[in-house]
Amino acid sequence: KVLRNVMIMEYLGPSLDKLFFYSKYCFSMKTILMIGIQCIERLEFIHNNGIIHRDIKPENFLIGASNDTKNTIYLVDFGLSKQYIDLVNYRFNQFKNTRSFAGTYRFCSLRSHKRLEQGRRDDLESLGYVIIYFMKRELPWQGVKDKADVGGDTKSNAIFKMKRDISVDELCKDCPLFIRHYIKYCRLLKYTEVPDYEYLKNLLRDELALNGHTEDNDFDWAKI
């Protein structure tokens, strides 16, 4: 007999990518901030269970399919996920050059481009790019040509160079100040350092309060 591992999940609704499209690529700041808080909570949960996702993008966050769960965000597609630590002896995976890429170029961390062993910080950095994407409707490296002979570079290298060379201030231009702190914090985390998830969530919660909103999970798509 052949043994196989199977994951069974409940039927879910559309992804954040689809909801963004249905909203004509315009989420309110309140919705973006509440999305960010729930997504950090999902990452915190899997990280605390020794797993990193390695492919954070809008397509991999779905809402529930019922009226009771449509304001709950779920993290899906664990095909690239891996255990980053042995929870029995608390031994981390060796930090090394993996020589292989895992993720999505548009949203992956800088270290992922370099094929370095991914950790919790990389999931969180990718989420930062997702938040910026929702705020600005695009990222600076979108639209890079797919041909290796255009500009003498591959698409992956061209995206990496743009992501590496752009300053955080330029990347976050016209965005609230909190996202600068978020990106800088994630990039400065050490491989084995435990992220301060509460600090990151509070960055978003403080911005909610600054704009006179409450974290009531009343998202834009309730009106669609």
N, C-alpha and C. Protein backbone atom coordinates (compact mmCIF):
# COMPACT_ATOMS: atom_id res chain seq x y z
N LYS A 1 0.83 -1.19 0.00
CA LYS A 1 0.00 0.00 0.00
C LYS A 1 0.88 1.25 0.00
N VAL A 2 0.41 2.25 -0.72
CA VAL A 2 1.12 3.53 -0.77
C VAL A 2 0.47 4.51 0.19
N LEU A 3 1.27 5.05 1.10
CA LEU A 3 0.75 6.00 2.07
C LEU A 3 0.92 7.42 1.53
N ARG A 4 -0.13 8.21 1.64
CA ARG A 4 -0.08 9.59 1.18
C ARG A 4 -0.63 10.51 2.25
N ASN A 5 -0.06 11.69 2.32
CA ASN A 5 -0.57 12.71 3.23
C ASN A 5 -1.61 13.55 2.51
N VAL A 6 -2.75 13.76 3.13
CA VAL A 6 -3.83 14.52 2.52
C VAL A 6 -4.32 15.58 3.51
N MET A 7 -4.49 16.80 3.02
CA MET A 7 -5.07 17.86 3.85
C MET A 7 -6.48 18.14 3.37
N ILE A 8 -7.43 18.08 4.24
CA ILE A 8 -8.82 18.36 3.90
C ILE A 8 -9.23 19.67 4.57
N MET A 9 -9.70 20.62 3.79
CA MET A 9 -10.10 21.92 4.32
C MET A 9 -11.54 22.19 3.94
N GLU A 10 -12.18 23.01 4.73
CA GLU A 10 -13.56 23.36 4.42
C GLU A 10 -13.64 24.21 3.15
N TYR A 11 -14.79 24.19 2.53
CA TYR A 11 -15.02 25.00 1.34
C TYR A 11 -14.98 26.48 1.73
N LEU A 12 -14.19 27.25 0.98
CA LEU A 12 -14.00 28.66 1.30
C LEU A 12 -14.49 29.56 0.18
N GLY A 13 -14.54 30.84 0.48
CA GLY A 13 -14.97 31.84 -0.49
C GLY A 13 -13.82 32.36 -1.34
N PRO A 14 -13.99 33.53 -1.95
CA PRO A 14 -12.97 34.07 -2.85
C PRO A 14 -11.72 34.52 -2.10
N SER A 15 -10.64 34.65 -2.86
CA SER A 15 -9.38 35.11 -2.31
C SER A 15 -9.37 36.63 -2.19
N LEU A 16 -8.39 37.15 -1.44
CA LEU A 16 -8.24 38.60 -1.36
C LEU A 16 -7.93 39.19 -2.73
N ASP A 17 -7.25 38.43 -3.56
CA ASP A 17 -6.95 38.90 -4.92
C ASP A 17 -8.24 39.10 -5.70
N LYS A 18 -9.16 38.13 -5.62
CA LYS A 18 -10.44 38.25 -6.31
C LYS A 18 -11.27 39.40 -5.73
N LEU A 19 -11.27 39.53 -4.41
CA LEU A 19 -12.05 40.59 -3.77
C LEU A 19 -11.51 41.96 -4.15
N PHE A 20 -10.19 42.06 -4.30
CA PHE A 20 -9.58 43.31 -4.73
C PHE A 20 -10.03 43.66 -6.15
N PHE A 21 -10.10 42.64 -6.99
CA PHE A 21 -10.58 42.82 -8.37
C PHE A 21 -12.05 43.24 -8.37
N TYR A 22 -12.88 42.55 -7.57
CA TYR A 22 -14.30 42.89 -7.49
C TYR A 22 -14.51 44.32 -6.97
N SER A 23 -13.57 44.80 -6.15
CA SER A 23 -13.67 46.15 -5.60
C SER A 23 -13.02 47.20 -6.51
N LYS A 24 -12.73 46.78 -7.76
CA LYS A 24 -12.10 47.66 -8.75
C LYS A 24 -10.76 48.19 -8.24
N TYR A 25 -10.02 47.28 -7.60
CA TYR A 25 -8.67 47.56 -7.08
C TYR A 25 -8.66 48.76 -6.15
N CYS A 26 -9.63 48.83 -5.30
CA CYS A 26 -9.71 49.94 -4.34
C CYS A 26 -10.31 49.46 -3.02
N PHE A 27 -9.43 49.07 -2.09
CA PHE A 27 -9.85 48.77 -0.74
C PHE A 27 -9.73 50.03 0.10
N SER A 28 -10.65 50.22 1.04
CA SER A 28 -10.51 51.33 1.98
C SER A 28 -9.35 51.05 2.92
N MET A 29 -8.79 52.10 3.52
CA MET A 29 -7.67 51.93 4.44
C MET A 29 -8.09 51.07 5.63
N LYS A 30 -9.32 51.23 6.08
CA LYS A 30 -9.81 50.43 7.20
C LYS A 30 -9.75 48.94 6.85
N THR A 31 -10.22 48.59 5.67
CA THR A 31 -10.20 47.19 5.24
C THR A 31 -8.78 46.67 5.13
N ILE A 32 -7.88 47.46 4.56
CA ILE A 32 -6.48 47.04 4.41
C ILE A 32 -5.85 46.76 5.77
N LEU A 33 -6.09 47.65 6.72
CA LEU A 33 -5.51 47.48 8.05
C LEU A 33 -6.06 46.24 8.75
N MET A 34 -7.36 46.01 8.64
CA MET A 34 -7.95 44.83 9.28
C MET A 34 -7.49 43.55 8.58
N ILE A 35 -7.30 43.60 7.26
CA ILE A 35 -6.73 42.46 6.55
C ILE A 35 -5.34 42.15 7.12
N GLY A 36 -4.53 43.19 7.26
CA GLY A 36 -3.17 43.00 7.75
C GLY A 36 -3.14 42.37 9.13
N ILE A 37 -4.02 42.82 10.02
CA ILE A 37 -4.05 42.29 11.39
C ILE A 37 -4.39 40.80 11.38
N GLN A 38 -5.43 40.43 10.62
CA GLN A 38 -5.82 39.01 10.57
C GLN A 38 -4.73 38.16 9.93
N CYS A 39 -4.07 38.68 8.91
CA CYS A 39 -3.02 37.91 8.23
C CYS A 39 -1.82 37.69 9.14
N ILE A 40 -1.46 38.70 9.93
CA ILE A 40 -0.38 38.53 10.90
C ILE A 40 -0.76 37.44 11.90
N GLU A 41 -2.02 37.43 12.34
CA GLU A 41 -2.48 36.41 13.28
C GLU A 41 -2.37 35.01 12.68
N ARG A 42 -2.69 34.86 11.39
CA ARG A 42 -2.58 33.55 10.75
C ARG A 42 -1.12 33.11 10.68
N LEU A 43 -0.24 34.04 10.35
CA LEU A 43 1.18 33.70 10.28
C LEU A 43 1.73 33.36 11.66
N GLU A 44 1.31 34.12 12.66
CA GLU A 44 1.75 33.84 14.02
C GLU A 44 1.36 32.42 14.44
N PHE A 45 0.16 32.00 14.06
CA PHE A 45 -0.32 30.66 14.43
C PHE A 45 0.54 29.57 13.79
N ILE A 46 0.77 29.65 12.48
CA ILE A 46 1.55 28.58 11.84
C ILE A 46 3.02 28.63 12.28
N HIS A 47 3.54 29.84 12.50
CA HIS A 47 4.92 29.96 12.97
C HIS A 47 5.08 29.32 14.35
N ASN A 48 4.11 29.54 15.21
CA ASN A 48 4.16 28.95 16.55
C ASN A 48 4.06 27.43 16.52
N ASN A 49 3.63 26.90 15.39
CA ASN A 49 3.56 25.45 15.22
C ASN A 49 4.72 24.92 14.36
N GLY A 50 5.74 25.75 14.20
CA GLY A 50 6.97 25.31 13.53
C GLY A 50 6.95 25.33 12.03
N ILE A 51 5.97 26.00 11.43
CA ILE A 51 5.80 26.00 9.97
C ILE A 51 5.97 27.42 9.41
N ILE A 52 6.67 27.54 8.30
CA ILE A 52 6.67 28.77 7.52
C ILE A 52 5.95 28.50 6.20
N HIS A 53 5.25 29.52 5.69
CA HIS A 53 4.40 29.32 4.51
C HIS A 53 5.20 29.38 3.21
N ARG A 54 6.02 30.41 3.04
CA ARG A 54 6.95 30.60 1.92
C ARG A 54 6.29 31.03 0.60
N ASP A 55 5.00 31.32 0.61
CA ASP A 55 4.38 31.83 -0.62
C ASP A 55 3.22 32.76 -0.27
N ILE A 56 3.54 33.80 0.48
CA ILE A 56 2.52 34.76 0.91
C ILE A 56 2.18 35.69 -0.25
N LYS A 57 0.90 35.71 -0.62
CA LYS A 57 0.40 36.57 -1.69
C LYS A 57 -1.11 36.65 -1.56
N PRO A 58 -1.76 37.64 -2.19
CA PRO A 58 -3.22 37.81 -2.03
C PRO A 58 -4.03 36.58 -2.43
N GLU A 59 -3.53 35.81 -3.40
CA GLU A 59 -4.26 34.63 -3.85
C GLU A 59 -4.35 33.55 -2.78
N ASN A 60 -3.46 33.58 -1.80
CA ASN A 60 -3.41 32.51 -0.80
C ASN A 60 -4.12 32.87 0.51
N PHE A 61 -4.83 33.97 0.51
CA PHE A 61 -5.70 34.32 1.63
C PHE A 61 -7.14 34.34 1.13
N LEU A 62 -7.99 33.51 1.72
CA LEU A 62 -9.39 33.40 1.31
C LEU A 62 -10.29 33.75 2.48
N ILE A 63 -11.48 34.22 2.17
CA ILE A 63 -12.47 34.46 3.22
C ILE A 63 -13.41 33.25 3.29
N GLY A 64 -14.15 33.17 4.39
CA GLY A 64 -15.10 32.08 4.53
C GLY A 64 -16.24 32.19 3.54
N ALA A 65 -16.93 31.08 3.34
CA ALA A 65 -17.99 31.02 2.33
C ALA A 65 -19.37 31.34 2.88
N SER A 66 -19.52 31.38 4.20
CA SER A 66 -20.84 31.62 4.79
C SER A 66 -20.92 33.03 5.37
N ASN A 67 -22.11 33.44 5.71
CA ASN A 67 -22.30 34.75 6.33
C ASN A 67 -21.57 34.85 7.66
N ASP A 68 -21.44 33.72 8.34
CA ASP A 68 -20.77 33.72 9.63
C ASP A 68 -19.25 33.82 9.52
N THR A 69 -18.71 33.44 8.35
CA THR A 69 -17.24 33.39 8.20
C THR A 69 -16.70 34.32 7.11
N LYS A 70 -17.57 35.09 6.47
CA LYS A 70 -17.10 35.93 5.37
C LYS A 70 -16.17 37.05 5.81
N ASN A 71 -16.12 37.32 7.11
CA ASN A 71 -15.20 38.32 7.63
C ASN A 71 -14.01 37.69 8.35
N THR A 72 -13.84 36.39 8.11
CA THR A 72 -12.67 35.67 8.63
C THR A 72 -11.76 35.32 7.47
N ILE A 73 -10.47 35.63 7.60
CA ILE A 73 -9.50 35.37 6.54
C ILE A 73 -8.74 34.08 6.86
N TYR A 74 -8.64 33.21 5.86
CA TYR A 74 -7.97 31.92 6.00
C TYR A 74 -6.72 31.91 5.14
N LEU A 75 -5.68 31.27 5.63
CA LEU A 75 -4.44 31.09 4.87
C LEU A 75 -4.44 29.69 4.26
N VAL A 76 -4.22 29.60 2.94
CA VAL A 76 -4.29 28.31 2.25
C VAL A 76 -3.03 28.08 1.41
N ASP A 77 -3.01 26.96 0.73
CA ASP A 77 -1.94 26.55 -0.20
C ASP A 77 -0.61 26.39 0.53
N PHE A 78 -0.46 25.26 1.19
CA PHE A 78 0.76 24.97 1.93
C PHE A 78 1.73 24.08 1.13
N GLY A 79 1.61 24.14 -0.21
CA GLY A 79 2.45 23.30 -1.06
C GLY A 79 3.93 23.60 -0.96
N LEU A 80 4.28 24.85 -0.66
CA LEU A 80 5.69 25.23 -0.53
C LEU A 80 6.13 25.37 0.92
N SER A 81 5.21 25.12 1.83
CA SER A 81 5.52 25.30 3.24
C SER A 81 6.52 24.25 3.72
N LYS A 82 7.21 24.58 4.81
CA LYS A 82 8.15 23.63 5.39
C LYS A 82 8.31 23.90 6.88
N GLN A 83 8.82 22.93 7.57
CA GLN A 83 9.13 23.07 8.99
C GLN A 83 10.45 23.83 9.09
N TYR A 84 10.45 24.91 9.86
CA TYR A 84 11.69 25.69 10.00
C TYR A 84 12.44 25.36 11.27
N ILE A 85 11.81 24.57 12.16
CA ILE A 85 12.41 24.25 13.44
C ILE A 85 11.90 22.90 13.93
N ASP A 86 12.75 22.17 14.60
CA ASP A 86 12.35 20.95 15.27
C ASP A 86 11.85 21.35 16.65
N LEU A 87 10.56 21.26 16.87
CA LEU A 87 9.96 21.74 18.12
C LEU A 87 10.29 20.86 19.32
N VAL A 88 10.84 19.66 19.08
CA VAL A 88 11.20 18.78 20.18
C VAL A 88 12.49 19.26 20.86
N ASN A 89 13.51 19.52 20.03
CA ASN A 89 14.79 19.97 20.61
C ASN A 89 15.09 21.44 20.32
N TYR A 90 14.11 22.11 19.72
CA TYR A 90 14.23 23.54 19.39
C TYR A 90 15.48 23.83 18.55
N ARG A 91 15.68 23.04 17.53
CA ARG A 91 16.82 23.20 16.63
C ARG A 91 16.31 23.75 15.29
N PHE A 92 16.86 24.91 14.89
CA PHE A 92 16.45 25.54 13.64
C PHE A 92 17.09 24.84 12.45
N ASN A 93 16.43 24.95 11.28
CA ASN A 93 17.07 24.52 10.05
C ASN A 93 18.36 25.31 9.87
N GLN A 94 19.34 24.69 9.30
CA GLN A 94 20.61 25.38 9.08
C GLN A 94 20.40 26.57 8.15
N PHE A 95 20.95 27.72 8.54
CA PHE A 95 20.85 28.90 7.68
C PHE A 95 21.91 28.78 6.59
N LYS A 96 21.43 28.66 5.36
CA LYS A 96 22.36 28.39 4.25
C LYS A 96 21.78 28.89 2.95
N ASN A 97 22.57 28.81 1.91
CA ASN A 97 22.09 29.09 0.56
C ASN A 97 21.42 27.82 0.04
N THR A 98 20.13 27.93 -0.25
CA THR A 98 19.37 26.73 -0.63
C THR A 98 19.51 26.38 -2.11
N ARG A 99 19.98 27.32 -2.93
CA ARG A 99 20.18 27.12 -4.38
C ARG A 99 18.87 26.94 -5.15
N SER A 100 17.76 27.00 -4.46
CA SER A 100 16.48 26.88 -5.15
C SER A 100 15.54 27.96 -4.63
N PHE A 101 14.62 28.38 -5.49
CA PHE A 101 13.70 29.45 -5.13
C PHE A 101 12.34 28.87 -4.77
N ALA A 102 11.73 29.44 -3.73
CA ALA A 102 10.36 29.06 -3.36
C ALA A 102 9.58 30.33 -3.07
N GLY A 103 8.46 30.51 -3.76
CA GLY A 103 7.64 31.68 -3.52
C GLY A 103 7.16 32.31 -4.82
N THR A 104 6.77 33.57 -4.73
CA THR A 104 6.30 34.35 -5.87
C THR A 104 7.13 35.61 -5.94
N TYR A 105 7.78 35.85 -7.06
CA TYR A 105 8.75 36.95 -7.17
C TYR A 105 8.16 38.29 -6.76
N ARG A 106 6.92 38.55 -7.10
CA ARG A 106 6.33 39.86 -6.81
C ARG A 106 6.31 40.15 -5.32
N PHE A 107 6.05 39.13 -4.51
CA PHE A 107 5.84 39.36 -3.08
C PHE A 107 6.92 38.77 -2.17
N CYS A 108 7.86 38.03 -2.70
CA CYS A 108 8.84 37.37 -1.84
C CYS A 108 9.81 38.37 -1.21
N SER A 109 10.47 37.93 -0.13
CA SER A 109 11.42 38.78 0.59
C SER A 109 12.71 38.92 -0.20
N LEU A 110 13.51 39.90 0.20
CA LEU A 110 14.81 40.10 -0.44
C LEU A 110 15.69 38.86 -0.29
N ARG A 111 15.69 38.26 0.89
CA ARG A 111 16.54 37.09 1.12
C ARG A 111 16.08 35.89 0.31
N SER A 112 14.79 35.81 0.02
CA SER A 112 14.28 34.71 -0.81
C SER A 112 14.86 34.80 -2.21
N HIS A 113 15.00 36.02 -2.74
CA HIS A 113 15.62 36.20 -4.05
C HIS A 113 17.04 35.66 -4.06
N LYS A 114 17.72 35.78 -2.91
CA LYS A 114 19.12 35.33 -2.81
C LYS A 114 19.23 33.83 -2.54
N ARG A 115 18.09 33.15 -2.50
CA ARG A 115 18.05 31.70 -2.23
C ARG A 115 18.59 31.37 -0.84
N LEU A 116 18.37 32.27 0.12
CA LEU A 116 18.78 31.99 1.49
C LEU A 116 17.66 31.26 2.23
N GLU A 117 18.03 30.44 3.19
CA GLU A 117 17.05 29.69 3.97
C GLU A 117 16.00 30.64 4.55
N GLN A 118 14.74 30.34 4.28
CA GLN A 118 13.67 31.24 4.72
C GLN A 118 13.27 30.96 6.17
N GLY A 119 12.78 32.01 6.81
CA GLY A 119 12.30 31.90 8.18
C GLY A 119 11.03 32.71 8.36
N ARG A 120 10.67 32.92 9.60
CA ARG A 120 9.44 33.66 9.91
C ARG A 120 9.48 35.07 9.36
N ARG A 121 10.64 35.70 9.41
CA ARG A 121 10.78 37.08 8.95
C ARG A 121 10.42 37.23 7.48
N ASP A 122 10.67 36.19 6.69
CA ASP A 122 10.40 36.27 5.24
C ASP A 122 8.90 36.26 4.95
N ASP A 123 8.15 35.43 5.67
CA ASP A 123 6.68 35.45 5.54
C ASP A 123 6.14 36.84 5.87
N LEU A 124 6.65 37.42 6.95
CA LEU A 124 6.16 38.73 7.40
C LEU A 124 6.54 39.84 6.43
N GLU A 125 7.74 39.78 5.89
CA GLU A 125 8.15 40.78 4.90
C GLU A 125 7.26 40.69 3.66
N SER A 126 6.97 39.47 3.22
CA SER A 126 6.10 39.29 2.06
C SER A 126 4.72 39.89 2.32
N LEU A 127 4.21 39.71 3.52
CA LEU A 127 2.91 40.29 3.87
C LEU A 127 2.98 41.82 3.79
N GLY A 128 4.12 42.39 4.16
CA GLY A 128 4.29 43.84 4.04
C GLY A 128 4.11 44.31 2.61
N TYR A 129 4.65 43.55 1.66
CA TYR A 129 4.49 43.91 0.24
C TYR A 129 3.03 43.76 -0.20
N VAL A 130 2.33 42.78 0.35
CA VAL A 130 0.91 42.62 0.05
C VAL A 130 0.13 43.84 0.53
N ILE A 131 0.44 44.32 1.73
CA ILE A 131 -0.25 45.50 2.28
C ILE A 131 0.02 46.72 1.41
N ILE A 132 1.28 46.90 1.00
CA ILE A 132 1.63 48.03 0.12
C ILE A 132 0.89 47.91 -1.21
N TYR A 133 0.81 46.70 -1.73
CA TYR A 133 0.08 46.47 -2.99
C TYR A 133 -1.37 46.90 -2.88
N PHE A 134 -2.01 46.56 -1.77
CA PHE A 134 -3.40 46.97 -1.59
C PHE A 134 -3.54 48.49 -1.45
N MET A 135 -2.55 49.13 -0.87
CA MET A 135 -2.63 50.58 -0.69
C MET A 135 -2.33 51.34 -1.98
N LYS A 136 -1.36 50.85 -2.76
CA LYS A 136 -0.92 51.60 -3.95
C LYS A 136 -1.43 51.01 -5.26
N ARG A 137 -2.06 49.82 -5.17
CA ARG A 137 -2.64 49.10 -6.31
C ARG A 137 -1.58 48.46 -7.20
N GLU A 138 -0.33 48.71 -6.93
CA GLU A 138 0.74 48.08 -7.68
C GLU A 138 2.05 48.23 -6.90
N LEU A 139 3.02 47.38 -7.24
CA LEU A 139 4.35 47.47 -6.67
C LEU A 139 5.31 47.95 -7.76
N PRO A 140 6.39 48.62 -7.39
CA PRO A 140 7.29 49.23 -8.39
C PRO A 140 7.83 48.24 -9.42
N TRP A 141 7.97 46.97 -9.02
CA TRP A 141 8.58 46.00 -9.92
C TRP A 141 7.55 45.23 -10.75
N GLN A 142 6.29 45.59 -10.66
CA GLN A 142 5.29 44.97 -11.53
C GLN A 142 5.51 45.43 -12.97
N GLY A 143 5.25 44.54 -13.90
CA GLY A 143 5.39 44.91 -15.30
C GLY A 143 6.78 44.68 -15.86
N VAL A 144 7.69 44.11 -15.06
CA VAL A 144 9.03 43.80 -15.56
C VAL A 144 8.90 42.75 -16.66
N LYS A 145 9.63 42.95 -17.73
CA LYS A 145 9.52 42.08 -18.90
C LYS A 145 9.96 40.65 -18.57
N ASP A 146 9.33 39.70 -19.24
CA ASP A 146 9.57 38.29 -18.98
C ASP A 146 10.68 37.72 -19.85
N LYS A 147 11.23 38.52 -20.76
CA LYS A 147 12.24 38.04 -21.69
C LYS A 147 13.64 38.28 -21.13
N ALA A 148 14.47 37.26 -21.19
CA ALA A 148 15.83 37.38 -20.65
C ALA A 148 16.67 38.36 -21.46
N ASP A 149 16.30 38.57 -22.73
CA ASP A 149 17.13 39.44 -23.57
C ASP A 149 16.68 40.90 -23.50
N VAL A 150 15.65 41.22 -22.73
CA VAL A 150 15.22 42.60 -22.56
C VAL A 150 16.04 43.21 -21.42
N GLY A 151 16.90 44.14 -21.77
CA GLY A 151 17.75 44.75 -20.76
C GLY A 151 18.86 43.83 -20.29
N GLY A 152 19.03 42.70 -20.98
CA GLY A 152 20.09 41.77 -20.62
C GLY A 152 19.91 41.10 -19.27
N ASP A 153 18.69 40.96 -18.81
CA ASP A 153 18.46 40.42 -17.48
C ASP A 153 17.24 39.53 -17.47
N THR A 154 17.21 38.58 -16.54
CA THR A 154 16.03 37.76 -16.36
C THR A 154 15.00 38.54 -15.56
N LYS A 155 13.77 38.10 -15.64
CA LYS A 155 12.70 38.77 -14.89
C LYS A 155 12.98 38.71 -13.40
N SER A 156 13.40 37.54 -12.90
CA SER A 156 13.64 37.39 -11.46
C SER A 156 14.76 38.31 -11.00
N ASN A 157 15.83 38.41 -11.77
CA ASN A 157 16.95 39.29 -11.38
C ASN A 157 16.56 40.75 -11.45
N ALA A 158 15.75 41.10 -12.46
CA ALA A 158 15.32 42.49 -12.60
C ALA A 158 14.45 42.90 -11.41
N ILE A 159 13.54 42.02 -10.99
CA ILE A 159 12.69 42.31 -9.83
C ILE A 159 13.54 42.42 -8.58
N PHE A 160 14.49 41.50 -8.41
CA PHE A 160 15.36 41.54 -7.24
C PHE A 160 16.13 42.86 -7.17
N LYS A 161 16.71 43.28 -8.28
CA LYS A 161 17.50 44.51 -8.28
C LYS A 161 16.64 45.73 -7.94
N MET A 162 15.42 45.76 -8.48
CA MET A 162 14.53 46.88 -8.15
C MET A 162 14.15 46.86 -6.68
N LYS A 163 13.85 45.66 -6.17
CA LYS A 163 13.45 45.52 -4.77
C LYS A 163 14.62 45.86 -3.84
N ARG A 164 15.83 45.49 -4.26
CA ARG A 164 17.02 45.74 -3.45
C ARG A 164 17.40 47.21 -3.45
N ASP A 165 17.28 47.86 -4.62
CA ASP A 165 17.81 49.22 -4.78
C ASP A 165 16.85 50.31 -4.34
N ILE A 166 15.55 50.03 -4.35
CA ILE A 166 14.60 51.08 -3.96
C ILE A 166 14.65 51.27 -2.45
N SER A 167 14.65 52.50 -2.00
CA SER A 167 14.66 52.75 -0.56
C SER A 167 13.29 52.44 0.02
N VAL A 168 13.26 52.16 1.32
CA VAL A 168 11.98 51.89 1.98
C VAL A 168 11.08 53.12 1.89
N ASP A 169 11.69 54.31 2.02
CA ASP A 169 10.88 55.53 1.93
C ASP A 169 10.24 55.68 0.56
N GLU A 170 10.98 55.34 -0.49
CA GLU A 170 10.43 55.44 -1.85
C GLU A 170 9.38 54.36 -2.08
N LEU A 171 9.66 53.16 -1.59
CA LEU A 171 8.71 52.05 -1.73
C LEU A 171 7.38 52.40 -1.07
N CYS A 172 7.46 53.06 0.08
CA CYS A 172 6.26 53.37 0.87
C CYS A 172 5.76 54.79 0.65
N LYS A 173 6.23 55.43 -0.39
CA LYS A 173 5.81 56.80 -0.69
C LYS A 173 4.28 56.88 -0.83
N ASP A 174 3.70 57.89 -0.24
CA ASP A 174 2.25 58.13 -0.26
C ASP A 174 1.47 57.12 0.58
N CYS A 175 2.17 56.32 1.38
CA CYS A 175 1.52 55.38 2.29
C CYS A 175 1.65 55.90 3.72
N PRO A 176 0.79 55.46 4.62
CA PRO A 176 0.94 55.85 6.04
C PRO A 176 2.30 55.43 6.59
N LEU A 177 2.77 56.16 7.57
CA LEU A 177 4.11 55.96 8.12
C LEU A 177 4.31 54.56 8.70
N PHE A 178 3.26 53.92 9.21
CA PHE A 178 3.42 52.65 9.89
C PHE A 178 4.05 51.58 9.01
N ILE A 179 3.76 51.60 7.70
CA ILE A 179 4.26 50.54 6.82
C ILE A 179 5.77 50.64 6.64
N ARG A 180 6.33 51.84 6.77
CA ARG A 180 7.79 51.97 6.75
C ARG A 180 8.40 51.24 7.95
N HIS A 181 7.80 51.47 9.12
CA HIS A 181 8.29 50.80 10.32
C HIS A 181 8.14 49.29 10.19
N TYR A 182 7.04 48.85 9.60
CA TYR A 182 6.78 47.42 9.43
C TYR A 182 7.86 46.78 8.56
N ILE A 183 8.12 47.34 7.38
CA ILE A 183 9.10 46.77 6.45
C ILE A 183 10.49 46.78 7.06
N LYS A 184 10.88 47.91 7.66
CA LYS A 184 12.21 48.00 8.26
C LYS A 184 12.38 46.98 9.38
N TYR A 185 11.35 46.82 10.19
CA TYR A 185 11.42 45.85 11.29
C TYR A 185 11.63 44.43 10.74
N CYS A 186 10.85 44.04 9.75
CA CYS A 186 10.94 42.68 9.21
C CYS A 186 12.31 42.42 8.58
N ARG A 187 12.85 43.40 7.89
CA ARG A 187 14.14 43.21 7.23
C ARG A 187 15.30 43.13 8.22
N LEU A 188 15.13 43.71 9.40
CA LEU A 188 16.21 43.71 10.39
C LEU A 188 16.15 42.51 11.34
N LEU A 189 15.09 41.72 11.26
CA LEU A 189 14.98 40.54 12.11
C LEU A 189 16.09 39.54 11.79
N LYS A 190 16.65 38.91 12.82
CA LYS A 190 17.62 37.85 12.62
C LYS A 190 16.87 36.55 12.32
N TYR A 191 17.57 35.60 11.71
CA TYR A 191 16.96 34.36 11.26
C TYR A 191 16.26 33.62 12.39
N THR A 192 16.90 33.54 13.55
CA THR A 192 16.33 32.78 14.67
C THR A 192 15.52 33.65 15.63
N GLU A 193 15.45 34.94 15.36
CA GLU A 193 14.75 35.85 16.28
C GLU A 193 13.24 35.67 16.21
N VAL A 194 12.62 35.63 17.36
CA VAL A 194 11.15 35.52 17.41
C VAL A 194 10.54 36.87 17.07
N PRO A 195 9.75 36.96 16.01
CA PRO A 195 9.13 38.25 15.66
C PRO A 195 8.18 38.72 16.75
N ASP A 196 8.11 40.02 16.92
CA ASP A 196 7.16 40.60 17.88
C ASP A 196 5.85 40.85 17.13
N TYR A 197 5.03 39.81 17.06
CA TYR A 197 3.79 39.89 16.31
C TYR A 197 2.86 40.96 16.88
N GLU A 198 2.87 41.10 18.19
CA GLU A 198 1.99 42.08 18.82
C GLU A 198 2.39 43.49 18.42
N TYR A 199 3.70 43.74 18.33
CA TYR A 199 4.18 45.05 17.88
C TYR A 199 3.68 45.34 16.47
N LEU A 200 3.78 44.35 15.58
CA LEU A 200 3.36 44.56 14.19
C LEU A 200 1.85 44.78 14.10
N LYS A 201 1.08 44.01 14.87
CA LYS A 201 -0.37 44.20 14.86
C LYS A 201 -0.74 45.57 15.43
N ASN A 202 -0.02 45.99 16.43
CA ASN A 202 -0.32 47.29 17.05
C ASN A 202 0.02 48.45 16.12
N LEU A 203 0.99 48.27 15.24
CA LEU A 203 1.26 49.30 14.23
C LEU A 203 -0.01 49.57 13.42
N LEU A 204 -0.68 48.48 13.04
CA LEU A 204 -1.90 48.60 12.24
C LEU A 204 -3.08 49.08 13.08
N ARG A 205 -3.16 48.59 14.30
CA ARG A 205 -4.26 49.01 15.18
C ARG A 205 -4.16 50.49 15.53
N ASP A 206 -2.94 50.97 15.74
CA ASP A 206 -2.75 52.39 16.02
C ASP A 206 -3.17 53.24 14.82
N GLU A 207 -2.90 52.74 13.61
CA GLU A 207 -3.30 53.46 12.41
C GLU A 207 -4.82 53.47 12.28
N LEU A 208 -5.46 52.35 12.63
CA LEU A 208 -6.92 52.30 12.64
C LEU A 208 -7.49 53.38 13.55
N ALA A 209 -6.95 53.44 14.78
CA ALA A 209 -7.44 54.42 15.75
C ALA A 209 -7.17 55.84 15.28
N LEU A 210 -6.01 56.05 14.66
CA LEU A 210 -5.65 57.38 14.17
C LEU A 210 -6.64 57.87 13.13
N ASN A 211 -7.22 56.93 12.38
CA ASN A 211 -8.20 57.27 11.35
C ASN A 211 -9.63 57.20 11.86
N GLY A 212 -9.80 57.01 13.17
CA GLY A 212 -11.13 57.01 13.76
C GLY A 212 -11.91 55.74 13.54
N HIS A 213 -11.22 54.61 13.28
CA HIS A 213 -11.90 53.35 13.03
C HIS A 213 -11.72 52.39 14.20
N THR A 214 -12.57 51.39 14.26
CA THR A 214 -12.43 50.31 15.23
C THR A 214 -12.25 49.00 14.48
N GLU A 215 -11.66 48.04 15.15
CA GLU A 215 -11.41 46.74 14.53
C GLU A 215 -12.66 45.87 14.64
N ASP A 216 -13.65 46.21 13.81
CA ASP A 216 -14.94 45.53 13.90
C ASP A 216 -15.13 44.46 12.82
N ASN A 217 -14.10 44.26 11.98
CA ASN A 217 -14.15 43.26 10.91
C ASN A 217 -15.31 43.48 9.94
N ASP A 218 -15.68 44.73 9.76
CA ASP A 218 -16.69 45.10 8.76
C ASP A 218 -15.92 45.51 7.50
N PHE A 219 -15.67 44.53 6.64
CA PHE A 219 -14.83 44.73 5.47
C PHE A 219 -15.62 45.30 4.28
N ASP A 220 -14.88 45.84 3.33
CA ASP A 220 -15.50 46.44 2.14
C ASP A 220 -16.37 45.43 1.38
N TRP A 221 -15.94 44.15 1.36
CA TRP A 221 -16.67 43.19 0.53
C TRP A 221 -18.05 42.85 1.07
N ALA A 222 -18.36 43.30 2.27
CA ALA A 222 -19.72 43.11 2.77
C ALA A 222 -20.72 43.89 1.94
N LYS A 223 -20.22 44.91 1.22
CA LYS A 223 -21.11 45.77 0.42
C LYS A 223 -21.17 45.31 -1.04
N ILE A 224 -20.34 44.32 -1.42
CA ILE A 224 -20.32 43.89 -2.82
C ILE A 224 -21.53 43.01 -3.11
